[in-house]
Amino acid sequence: MGMGMIDSSPQSYVAHPSFKKPKTEALLFGKDINHLVVSTNRWHTFTTTTGKNTQNKSKKVEVMTRDEERLMFLRYNYAKFRLEILQRCCIQEKPTKKVLEEIDLWEQRVAIVRDYIVNKNIALVVKMIQKFRPYAEKNELFSEANVALLRAVEKFDVRRGSKFSTYAYQAIIKALSRYMGRLRQYQKRNRDIEKLTRPPEIIDWRDAKRSDEENLYLERLKKILNNNRAGLSSTELEILQLRFGFNQPDGKTHSLQEIGVRFNVTRERIRQIQKKIMWQLRRHVVEKI
């Protein structure tokens, strides 16, 4: 972020007792951290192959040691801690050039350390999505797992004593499991919609032995038609009634040809009007589900 732009949103960080000690910055950032810089395009760096001639062999990724994890997360949260202090100063008074430079520095450090942690653990994401890949799209799984990894970075507390990879593994598993649950619900909902929005011509309006799904569909359809919620014209309503025997005393249905003769148009024209009516009705039925 440039020095002319200040992000005033509060920083969410995991506190640590050492952050308020005067020597903490020197201990955490005494050495140059430029060697940690990685590509800022995470989608580009998230790859499992080393090139065209590798036959999809996996990269060998160096995992952080427990000590390195502790250092990286203390750096990450300390940088966000310092950012919050600086942002509070900017709210109270106009920031000086020095303050803006400090904000820019700490924002860079936050980004550098975060990207380093993420790239060190991206192999875990790739490994996890393979377990769910047969049941969902790879890109969708990757997106969900990636978000879960980023959230884990935000919430991990080194004082708990566990390794970040273990914490991230559990977070990714939960996220992917929730996603698969939503996906199954979505697929079931689509199946239900297909059943509820089946063309009226395959349902006998006079049949007393209709399924519960068909009855539910017909009840919704009747409400839409009786109140004309689908915005059908008087001609379209009449064509629908004639075609499927809806609201007809004898419940008699008519062919496309018969209706075409009645309205002095071709059979094909009646079919086109019917198709338009079906689309409007299905849309309104789906909106109620």
Foldseek 3Di string as FASTA:
>chain_A
DALVDADLDQFQADDDVCLPPPCVCCVLCVDPPPVLADDLPVVVLLAQDDDDPRVSHGDDFDADDLVRQVSLRVQLRSLSVVLNVLSVVCVVDPDDPVSSVSNVVSVVSNSSSLVSNCSNQSVVQVVVVVVVVVPDPSVVLSVQLSVLLSVLSRPDDSVVVDDSNVSSNVSSVVSSVVVSVVVVVVVVLVVLLCLLLPDLVVPQPPDPPDDPSPVVSVVLLCVCLVVVVLVDDPLLSVLVCQQQVPPPPVSHHDQLCVVCVVVVHHSVVSVVSSVVVSVSSSVSSSVVD
